[in-house]
């Protein structure tokens, strides 16, 4: 491994030198205490060592054997890797072309139901993007009970406190806008990209007042419109009783005392509270806080007019639902926007088992990380990976995914690009999506 040092406005920083790119791992962007808003990190003394990944947020795999609790995704994305965990998880990773200057920037927000995941899992890598002239950034943020506690008694001088994970993402994006030029990126040409809960985060930030005008386009994979149109956020008042129960299960009297309990105690109290609910997912999602997320603007009528790239996989969670949400989004844009949205459906059933094109499968191709996975990929898989990665880079550069690696990709939701053995714009396979949804093939694994 070769190392290099770069001079920035924040100080000298040591990174990793690759053949065509430079990589900086674990770059701190903020600090915060539990249930507090993040404060952006300033200049450092000496040379910052950015050769090791920073901690990701506490989550189930910090306390339990991930290979047992979540064996499928462990095998796909995490087997053989070591991770560190902390509530102090305010780190991002940067990969840039060598001698980069004014390059487009792609910021990625990872998924995981707002309760898990990290920016250094095996499938996430910015090498291919950097080799195609993009500065790539991936970030960690607070998750689960550390990032999405919401209670009427949590307040500071600016009012209600909630959505800490979203504040972390906001702080990271602001950090990138201020400092990415030192790494060769153009702060005025940022595309925000996310998958699953990351896509839902991108959707929220489209109307985040603190990030108005911060990015030129958005890429949302397997999560477009889920909260905006379907699993609508709760209010802080409505969700407060849930967090009162978390406090009681943690053995403390109120939400203020919950700030002081050990991280493991908080995790299991939150987990036990979730088990007592028939459907706990909405209680782990962002809430209306009237700071970042507003009930009045979080609907289809307030989608900003900018280029969009939207994708899903053919056996993705509830395929017929995702198809319907994509169509809602696309039809609104076609009627009201000057900019256009481009849609894709990832239809390649991955080799190695009969799980199909499962939720998140397309990320291995988007990030060109097939070689990090156990599956017996074939030549066609590497072709698809080159195609979809090139399309994402083209979109980050121009707001249009059309590129030499693909046949013509037309905007609009009627004929999404099919990434499969034969890439082409085709109609939705609605009958198949209905079958996958009700056969169980479309469940998140």
Protein backbone atom coordinates (compact mmCIF):
# COMPACT_ATOMS: atom_id res chain seq x y z
CA UNK A 1 0.00 0.00 0.00
CA UNK A 2 1.38 3.39 -1.05
CA UNK A 3 0.71 6.56 0.92
CA UNK A 4 0.63 10.24 0.04
CA UNK A 5 0.01 13.54 1.83
CA UNK A 6 -2.19 16.38 0.63
CA UNK A 7 -2.33 19.94 1.92
CA UNK A 8 -5.81 21.30 2.61
CA UNK A 9 -7.28 24.37 4.29
CA UNK A 10 -7.91 22.18 7.35
CA UNK A 11 -4.33 20.93 7.48
CA UNK A 12 -2.19 18.17 6.00
CA UNK A 13 -3.91 14.83 5.44
CA UNK A 14 -2.34 11.43 4.76
CA UNK A 15 -4.17 9.14 2.34
CA UNK A 16 -3.71 6.06 0.20
CA UNK A 17 -2.34 6.29 -3.34
CA UNK A 18 -3.72 3.96 -5.98
CA UNK A 19 -2.78 3.68 -9.64
CA UNK A 20 -5.33 6.23 -10.85
CA UNK A 21 -6.84 7.65 -7.67
CA UNK A 22 -6.21 8.79 -4.13
CA UNK A 23 -8.29 7.65 -1.16
CA UNK A 24 -8.92 9.23 2.24
CA UNK A 25 -10.64 7.10 4.86
CA UNK A 26 -12.24 8.06 8.15
CA UNK A 27 -12.20 11.83 7.68
CA UNK A 28 -14.02 13.43 10.59
CA UNK A 29 -16.73 15.92 9.64
CA UNK A 30 -18.40 16.66 13.01
CA UNK A 31 -18.76 15.86 16.70
CA UNK A 32 -21.85 15.51 18.91
CA UNK A 33 -23.04 14.11 22.20
CA UNK A 34 -25.99 11.74 22.42
CA UNK A 35 -29.27 13.36 21.31
CA UNK A 36 -27.41 16.52 20.28
CA UNK A 37 -27.04 18.21 16.93
CA UNK A 38 -23.62 17.72 15.29
CA UNK A 39 -21.09 20.54 15.24
CA UNK A 40 -18.86 20.62 12.17
CA UNK A 41 -15.23 19.75 12.76
CA UNK A 42 -12.63 22.44 12.14
CA UNK A 43 -8.93 22.38 11.35
CA UNK A 44 -6.68 19.76 12.89
CA UNK A 45 -3.12 19.90 14.21
CA UNK A 46 -0.34 17.97 12.55
CA UNK A 47 -1.10 15.48 9.78
CA UNK A 48 -4.48 13.77 9.80
CA UNK A 49 -4.15 10.01 9.27
CA UNK A 50 -6.85 9.09 6.74
CA UNK A 51 -5.61 5.58 5.98
CA UNK A 52 -8.09 3.67 8.19
CA UNK A 53 -11.88 3.69 8.16
CA UNK A 54 -13.60 5.48 11.02
CA UNK A 55 -16.15 3.95 13.35
CA UNK A 56 -19.70 3.29 12.21
CA UNK A 57 -22.68 3.67 14.53
CA UNK A 58 -23.62 1.02 17.06
CA UNK A 59 -26.10 -1.43 15.54
CA UNK A 60 -27.07 -5.07 15.94
CA UNK A 61 -23.75 -6.39 14.67
CA UNK A 62 -21.88 -4.41 17.35
CA UNK A 63 -23.48 -6.60 20.02
CA UNK A 64 -24.49 -9.79 18.20
CA UNK A 65 -22.98 -12.22 15.70
CA UNK A 66 -23.96 -10.75 12.34
CA UNK A 67 -23.35 -14.09 10.60
CA UNK A 68 -26.12 -15.59 12.77
CA UNK A 69 -28.53 -12.65 13.07
CA UNK A 70 -28.35 -11.51 9.44
CA UNK A 71 -26.58 -14.31 7.54
CA UNK A 72 -27.62 -13.38 3.99
CA UNK A 73 -26.36 -9.79 3.97
CA UNK A 74 -23.40 -10.72 6.15
CA UNK A 75 -22.23 -13.12 3.47
CA UNK A 76 -22.89 -10.61 0.67
CA UNK A 77 -21.39 -7.46 2.18
CA UNK A 78 -19.54 -8.00 5.45
CA UNK A 79 -17.93 -11.46 5.71
CA UNK A 80 -14.24 -11.30 6.56
CA UNK A 81 -14.25 -7.57 7.33
CA UNK A 82 -13.59 -5.86 10.64
CA UNK A 83 -15.64 -2.87 11.78
CA UNK A 84 -15.39 -0.53 14.75
CA UNK A 85 -18.50 0.88 16.41
CA UNK A 86 -19.25 4.04 18.36
CA UNK A 87 -21.79 6.78 18.79
CA UNK A 88 -18.89 8.98 17.68
CA UNK A 89 -19.28 7.89 14.06
CA UNK A 90 -18.98 11.22 12.21
CA UNK A 91 -16.65 10.06 9.46
CA UNK A 92 -16.64 10.10 5.69
CA UNK A 93 -14.51 8.49 3.00
CA UNK A 94 -13.27 10.24 -0.14
CA UNK A 95 -11.85 8.82 -3.36
CA UNK A 96 -10.71 11.22 -6.06
CA UNK A 97 -8.90 11.05 -9.38
CA UNK A 98 -5.18 11.81 -9.22
CA UNK A 99 -4.58 15.49 -9.94
CA UNK A 100 -8.34 16.08 -9.73
CA UNK A 101 -9.57 19.62 -10.27
CA UNK A 102 -13.18 20.84 -10.40
CA UNK A 103 -14.47 17.29 -10.83
CA UNK A 104 -18.16 16.44 -10.32
CA UNK A 105 -18.88 15.13 -6.82
CA UNK A 106 -21.03 12.11 -5.92
CA UNK A 107 -22.09 11.81 -2.26
CA UNK A 108 -23.48 8.41 -1.20
CA UNK A 109 -25.76 7.75 1.80
CA UNK A 110 -25.92 4.07 2.73
CA UNK A 111 -29.09 2.16 3.52
CA UNK A 112 -30.05 -0.19 6.33
CA UNK A 113 -33.57 0.82 7.46
CA UNK A 114 -32.03 3.71 9.42
CA UNK A 115 -30.86 1.07 11.92
CA UNK A 116 -27.77 -0.49 10.32
CA UNK A 117 -25.11 -0.25 7.66
CA UNK A 118 -21.88 1.67 7.15
CA UNK A 119 -19.89 3.39 4.44
CA UNK A 120 -17.07 0.83 4.49
CA UNK A 121 -18.97 -2.35 3.69
CA UNK A 122 -17.46 -4.51 0.95
CA UNK A 123 -19.84 -3.42 -1.81
CA UNK A 124 -19.19 0.33 -1.37
CA UNK A 125 -16.14 1.65 -3.17
CA UNK A 126 -15.38 4.82 -5.12
CA UNK A 127 -12.50 3.50 -7.22
CA UNK A 128 -14.40 3.07 -10.49
CA UNK A 129 -16.04 6.49 -10.13
CA UNK A 130 -12.69 8.18 -9.48
CA UNK A 131 -11.21 6.46 -12.52
CA UNK A 132 -14.01 8.04 -14.57
CA UNK A 133 -13.39 11.56 -13.29
CA UNK A 134 -15.74 11.69 -10.27
CA UNK A 135 -14.88 12.62 -6.69
CA UNK A 136 -16.75 10.08 -4.56
CA UNK A 137 -17.78 10.57 -0.92
CA UNK A 138 -19.52 8.07 1.38
CA UNK A 139 -20.55 8.92 4.93
CA UNK A 140 -21.48 7.35 8.24
CA UNK A 141 -24.24 8.74 10.42
CA UNK A 142 -26.04 7.88 13.66
CA UNK A 143 -28.56 5.03 13.43
CA UNK A 144 -31.40 3.42 15.37
CA UNK A 145 -31.84 4.67 18.93
CA UNK A 146 -28.70 6.82 18.68
CA UNK A 147 -29.81 8.63 15.53
CA UNK A 148 -33.59 8.66 15.52
CA UNK A 149 -34.82 9.15 19.06
CA UNK A 150 -37.66 11.69 19.06
CA UNK A 151 -39.41 12.97 22.18
CA UNK A 152 -41.37 16.07 23.14
CA UNK A 153 -38.93 16.74 26.03
CA UNK A 154 -35.84 16.76 23.81
CA UNK A 155 -35.17 20.43 23.04
CA UNK A 156 -32.39 22.94 22.86
CA UNK A 157 -32.21 26.67 22.16
CA UNK A 158 -33.30 26.08 18.56
CA UNK A 159 -36.38 24.07 19.54
CA UNK A 160 -37.34 20.43 19.10
CA UNK A 161 -34.59 17.83 18.79
CA UNK A 162 -35.05 14.79 16.55
CA UNK A 163 -33.72 13.23 13.35
CA UNK A 164 -30.12 13.30 14.58
CA UNK A 165 -29.03 10.96 11.78
CA UNK A 166 -30.44 13.41 9.23
CA UNK A 167 -28.60 16.26 10.94
CA UNK A 168 -25.43 14.19 10.65
CA UNK A 169 -26.00 13.73 6.93
CA UNK A 170 -26.66 17.46 6.60
CA UNK A 171 -23.43 18.27 8.43
CA UNK A 172 -21.48 15.89 6.19
CA UNK A 173 -22.92 17.42 3.01
CA UNK A 174 -22.12 20.91 4.29
CA UNK A 175 -18.58 19.77 5.09
CA UNK A 176 -18.21 18.45 1.55
CA UNK A 177 -19.45 21.71 0.05
CA UNK A 178 -16.93 23.69 2.11
CA UNK A 179 -13.90 21.47 1.69
CA UNK A 180 -14.22 19.17 -1.32
CA UNK A 181 -12.37 21.63 -3.58
CA UNK A 182 -9.23 20.76 -1.62
CA UNK A 183 -9.68 17.19 -2.87
CA UNK A 184 -10.33 18.18 -6.48
CA UNK A 185 -14.12 18.35 -6.37
CA UNK A 186 -16.46 21.05 -7.63
CA UNK A 187 -18.69 22.16 -4.71
CA UNK A 188 -21.19 23.55 -7.19
CA UNK A 189 -21.62 20.22 -8.99
CA UNK A 190 -22.74 17.73 -6.36
CA UNK A 191 -25.07 14.79 -6.99
CA UNK A 192 -26.65 13.23 -3.90
CA UNK A 193 -27.11 9.46 -4.09
CA UNK A 194 -28.65 6.95 -1.69
CA UNK A 195 -30.05 3.44 -1.59
CA UNK A 196 -32.98 2.12 0.48
CA UNK A 197 -32.97 4.21 3.69
CA UNK A 198 -30.26 6.24 1.98
CA UNK A 199 -32.65 6.95 -0.90
CA UNK A 200 -35.30 7.93 1.62
CA UNK A 201 -32.74 10.28 3.17
CA UNK A 202 -32.00 11.83 -0.23
CA UNK A 203 -35.75 12.30 -0.73
CA UNK A 204 -35.97 14.17 2.58
CA UNK A 205 -32.97 16.37 1.80
CA UNK A 206 -34.60 17.49 -1.43
CA UNK A 207 -36.74 19.75 0.80
CA UNK A 208 -34.23 20.28 3.61
CA UNK A 209 -33.99 24.09 4.06
CA UNK A 210 -30.38 23.78 5.24
CA UNK A 211 -29.40 22.17 1.93
CA UNK A 212 -31.39 24.26 -0.52
CA UNK A 213 -29.36 24.53 -3.71
CA UNK A 214 -26.67 22.16 -2.41
CA UNK A 215 -26.85 19.62 -5.23
CA UNK A 216 -27.51 19.54 -8.96
CA UNK A 217 -29.18 16.13 -9.18
CA UNK A 218 -30.30 13.13 -7.15
CA UNK A 219 -29.97 9.36 -7.50
CA UNK A 220 -32.41 7.25 -5.49
CA UNK A 221 -32.26 3.46 -5.54
CA UNK A 222 -34.90 1.21 -3.97
CA UNK A 223 -36.50 3.83 -1.77
CA UNK A 224 -37.96 6.62 -3.87
CA UNK A 225 -41.14 8.03 -2.34
CA UNK A 226 -41.43 5.40 0.41
CA UNK A 227 -41.96 7.99 3.15
CA UNK A 228 -43.17 10.80 0.93
CA UNK A 229 -46.04 8.72 -0.49
CA UNK A 230 -46.50 5.58 1.62
CA UNK A 231 -44.93 5.12 5.09
CA UNK A 232 -45.48 8.74 6.06
CA UNK A 233 -43.49 10.08 9.02
CA UNK A 234 -44.98 10.37 12.48
CA UNK A 235 -45.02 13.50 14.60
CA UNK A 236 -42.72 13.91 17.61
CA UNK A 237 -45.77 13.99 19.87
CA UNK A 238 -47.12 10.70 18.51
CA UNK A 239 -43.84 8.85 18.85
CA UNK A 240 -42.95 10.16 22.35
CA UNK A 241 -44.79 7.34 24.13
CA UNK A 242 -42.62 4.78 22.34
CA UNK A 243 -39.49 6.47 23.67
CA UNK A 244 -40.98 6.68 27.16
CA UNK A 245 -41.20 2.89 26.95
CA UNK A 246 -37.59 2.66 25.77
CA UNK A 247 -36.53 4.70 28.81
CA UNK A 248 -38.53 2.45 31.15
CA UNK A 249 -37.03 -0.69 29.62
CA UNK A 250 -33.58 0.85 30.08
CA UNK A 251 -34.36 1.30 33.77
CA UNK A 252 -34.48 5.10 33.82
CA UNK A 253 -37.26 7.54 34.60
CA UNK A 254 -37.26 9.88 31.61
CA UNK A 255 -35.75 10.77 28.26
CA UNK A 256 -33.06 12.98 29.82
CA UNK A 257 -31.80 10.06 31.90
CA UNK A 258 -31.78 7.92 28.75
CA UNK A 259 -28.99 10.16 27.46
CA UNK A 260 -26.68 8.74 30.13
CA UNK A 261 -27.20 4.97 29.87
CA UNK A 262 -24.60 2.70 28.33
CA UNK A 263 -24.84 2.24 24.55
CA UNK A 264 -25.58 -1.47 24.88
CA UNK A 265 -28.34 -0.83 27.42
CA UNK A 266 -29.92 1.72 25.11
CA UNK A 267 -29.74 -0.64 22.15
CA UNK A 268 -31.47 -3.55 23.88
CA UNK A 269 -34.10 -1.35 25.52
CA UNK A 270 -34.92 0.03 22.07
CA UNK A 271 -34.91 -3.45 20.55
CA UNK A 272 -37.27 -4.77 23.25
CA UNK A 273 -39.60 -1.80 22.74
CA UNK A 274 -39.70 -2.56 19.00
CA UNK A 275 -40.57 -6.21 19.71
CA UNK A 276 -43.65 -5.07 21.62
CA UNK A 277 -45.06 -3.43 18.49
CA UNK A 278 -46.89 -5.23 15.70
CA UNK A 279 -45.12 -3.11 13.08
CA UNK A 280 -42.13 -1.23 14.48
CA UNK A 281 -40.54 0.13 11.28
CA UNK A 282 -42.24 3.58 11.36
CA UNK A 283 -40.88 4.02 14.90
CA UNK A 284 -37.31 3.74 13.61
CA UNK A 285 -37.75 6.22 10.75
CA UNK A 286 -37.34 10.01 10.62
CA UNK A 287 -40.21 12.08 12.01
CA UNK A 288 -41.76 15.43 11.21
CA UNK A 289 -39.62 17.87 13.17
CA UNK A 290 -40.36 21.16 11.34
CA UNK A 291 -36.62 21.71 11.00
CA UNK A 292 -35.56 19.28 8.30
CA UNK A 293 -38.80 17.42 7.62
CA UNK A 294 -42.10 19.29 7.19
CA UNK A 295 -45.52 17.71 6.72
CA UNK A 296 -46.60 20.60 4.50
CA UNK A 297 -43.85 20.09 1.91
CA UNK A 298 -43.12 16.35 2.09
CA UNK A 299 -45.39 15.34 -0.77
CA UNK A 300 -45.26 15.02 -4.54
CA UNK A 301 -46.17 18.69 -5.11
CA UNK A 302 -42.88 19.85 -3.62
CA UNK A 303 -40.37 17.70 -5.51
CA UNK A 304 -37.68 20.17 -6.66
CA UNK A 305 -37.09 20.48 -10.39
CA UNK A 306 -33.71 18.80 -10.99
CA UNK A 307 -32.47 15.72 -12.86
CA UNK A 308 -33.25 12.38 -11.21
CA UNK A 309 -31.96 8.86 -11.68
CA UNK A 310 -34.23 6.31 -9.99
CA UNK A 311 -33.80 2.56 -9.81
CA UNK A 312 -35.03 -0.65 -8.23
CA UNK A 313 -34.47 -4.38 -8.66
CA UNK A 314 -37.02 -6.83 -10.00
CA UNK A 315 -37.36 -8.83 -6.77
CA UNK A 316 -36.86 -5.78 -4.55
CA UNK A 317 -38.85 -5.82 -1.28
CA UNK A 318 -42.39 -5.35 -2.64
CA UNK A 319 -41.76 -4.93 -6.38
CA UNK A 320 -45.28 -3.95 -7.38
CA UNK A 321 -45.28 -1.24 -4.68
CA UNK A 322 -41.94 0.17 -5.79
CA UNK A 323 -43.13 0.16 -9.40
CA UNK A 324 -46.21 2.15 -8.40
CA UNK A 325 -44.17 4.65 -6.38
CA UNK A 326 -41.72 5.14 -9.25
CA UNK A 327 -44.62 5.72 -11.63
CA UNK A 328 -46.15 8.31 -9.30
CA UNK A 329 -42.86 10.15 -9.13
CA UNK A 330 -42.21 9.95 -12.86
CA UNK A 331 -45.69 11.03 -13.88
CA UNK A 332 -45.54 14.11 -11.65
CA UNK A 333 -42.15 15.12 -13.05
CA UNK A 334 -43.30 14.61 -16.63
CA UNK A 335 -46.25 16.96 -16.03
CA UNK A 336 -44.57 19.69 -13.97
CA UNK A 337 -40.78 19.73 -14.41
CA UNK A 338 -38.41 21.00 -17.07
CA UNK A 339 -35.72 18.55 -15.98
CA UNK A 340 -36.30 14.86 -16.56
CA UNK A 341 -36.12 11.68 -14.53
CA UNK A 342 -34.53 8.48 -15.77
CA UNK A 343 -35.64 5.11 -14.39
CA UNK A 344 -34.13 1.66 -14.37
CA UNK A 345 -35.10 -1.81 -13.24
CA UNK A 346 -32.28 -4.19 -12.46
CA UNK A 347 -33.40 -7.52 -13.92
CA UNK A 348 -30.28 -9.65 -13.69
CA UNK A 349 -30.83 -12.64 -11.41
CA UNK A 350 -27.51 -13.04 -9.65
CA UNK A 351 -25.68 -16.35 -10.16
CA UNK A 352 -24.96 -18.67 -7.26
CA UNK A 353 -28.45 -19.25 -5.84
CA UNK A 354 -32.15 -18.72 -6.65
CA UNK A 355 -32.63 -15.46 -4.71
CA UNK A 356 -33.13 -13.40 -7.86
CA UNK A 357 -32.31 -9.69 -8.02
CA UNK A 358 -32.69 -9.12 -4.30
CA UNK A 359 -32.87 -5.79 -2.47
CA UNK A 360 -29.43 -4.08 -2.78
CA UNK A 361 -28.11 -6.53 -5.40
CA UNK A 362 -27.62 -3.73 -7.93
CA UNK A 363 -25.11 -2.00 -5.65
CA UNK A 364 -22.47 -4.62 -6.43
CA UNK A 365 -22.78 -3.52 -10.07
CA UNK A 366 -23.15 0.22 -9.44
CA UNK A 367 -19.92 0.26 -7.40
CA UNK A 368 -18.13 -2.28 -9.61
CA UNK A 369 -17.32 -4.48 -6.61
CA UNK A 370 -18.27 -7.88 -8.04
CA UNK A 371 -14.80 -9.21 -7.32
CA UNK A 372 -15.36 -8.63 -3.58
CA UNK A 373 -18.33 -11.00 -3.54
CA UNK A 374 -18.49 -14.80 -3.29
CA UNK A 375 -20.79 -15.32 -6.28
CA UNK A 376 -19.59 -16.97 -9.51
CA UNK A 377 -20.14 -13.91 -11.67
CA UNK A 378 -20.00 -14.34 -15.42
CA UNK A 379 -18.81 -12.08 -18.25
CA UNK A 380 -22.29 -10.63 -18.61
CA UNK A 381 -22.23 -9.47 -14.98
CA UNK A 382 -19.08 -7.45 -15.58
CA UNK A 383 -20.64 -5.98 -18.71
CA UNK A 384 -23.72 -4.90 -16.74
CA UNK A 385 -21.47 -3.44 -14.05
CA UNK A 386 -19.55 -1.36 -16.60
CA UNK A 387 -22.84 -0.15 -18.08
CA UNK A 388 -24.56 0.89 -14.88
CA UNK A 389 -21.42 2.43 -13.38
CA UNK A 390 -20.80 4.44 -16.55
CA UNK A 391 -24.42 5.60 -16.55
CA UNK A 392 -24.14 6.83 -12.95
CA UNK A 393 -20.94 8.71 -13.80
CA UNK A 394 -22.52 10.27 -16.88
CA UNK A 395 -25.48 11.38 -14.77
CA UNK A 396 -23.18 12.90 -12.14
CA UNK A 397 -21.39 14.86 -14.87
CA UNK A 398 -24.35 15.99 -16.98
CA UNK A 399 -27.67 15.09 -15.33
CA UNK A 400 -28.21 12.51 -18.10
CA UNK A 401 -27.18 8.82 -17.83
CA UNK A 402 -26.78 8.27 -21.57
CA UNK A 403 -23.26 7.06 -22.42
CA UNK A 404 -21.40 5.00 -24.98
CA UNK A 405 -21.72 1.81 -22.93
CA UNK A 406 -25.54 1.71 -23.28
CA UNK A 407 -28.23 1.89 -25.93
CA UNK A 408 -30.38 5.03 -25.86
CA UNK A 409 -31.92 5.65 -22.44
CA UNK A 410 -35.08 7.72 -22.68
CA UNK A 411 -36.40 9.84 -19.80
CA UNK A 412 -39.75 9.04 -18.25
CA UNK A 413 -41.18 6.15 -16.29
CA UNK A 414 -43.05 4.25 -19.02
CA UNK A 415 -40.01 2.41 -20.40
CA UNK A 416 -37.27 2.11 -17.77
CA UNK A 417 -33.82 0.89 -18.69
CA UNK A 418 -33.55 -2.84 -18.02
CA UNK A 419 -30.11 -3.79 -16.73
CA UNK A 420 -29.97 -7.45 -17.69
CA UNK A 421 -28.36 -9.80 -20.19
CA UNK A 422 -29.53 -7.41 -22.91
CA UNK A 423 -29.75 -3.81 -21.71
CA UNK A 424 -32.59 -1.84 -23.28
CA UNK A 425 -35.49 0.43 -22.40
CA UNK A 426 -38.50 -1.85 -21.90
CA UNK A 427 -41.94 -1.70 -20.37
CA UNK A 428 -42.44 -2.65 -16.73
CA UNK A 429 -42.93 -6.37 -16.11
CA UNK A 430 -45.96 -5.64 -13.97
CA UNK A 431 -47.31 -9.21 -13.94
CA UNK A 432 -43.94 -10.50 -12.77
CA UNK A 433 -43.74 -7.77 -10.13
CA UNK A 434 -47.13 -8.79 -8.78
CA UNK A 435 -46.01 -12.42 -8.68
CA UNK A 436 -42.72 -11.58 -6.97
CA UNK A 437 -44.53 -9.44 -4.40
CA UNK A 438 -47.04 -12.09 -3.37
CA UNK A 439 -44.81 -15.14 -3.77
CA UNK A 440 -42.37 -13.80 -1.21
CA UNK A 441 -39.57 -13.32 -3.74
CA UNK A 442 -39.83 -9.60 -3.16
CA UNK A 443 -39.18 -9.67 0.56
CA UNK A 444 -36.14 -7.94 1.96
CA UNK A 445 -33.80 -10.74 2.94
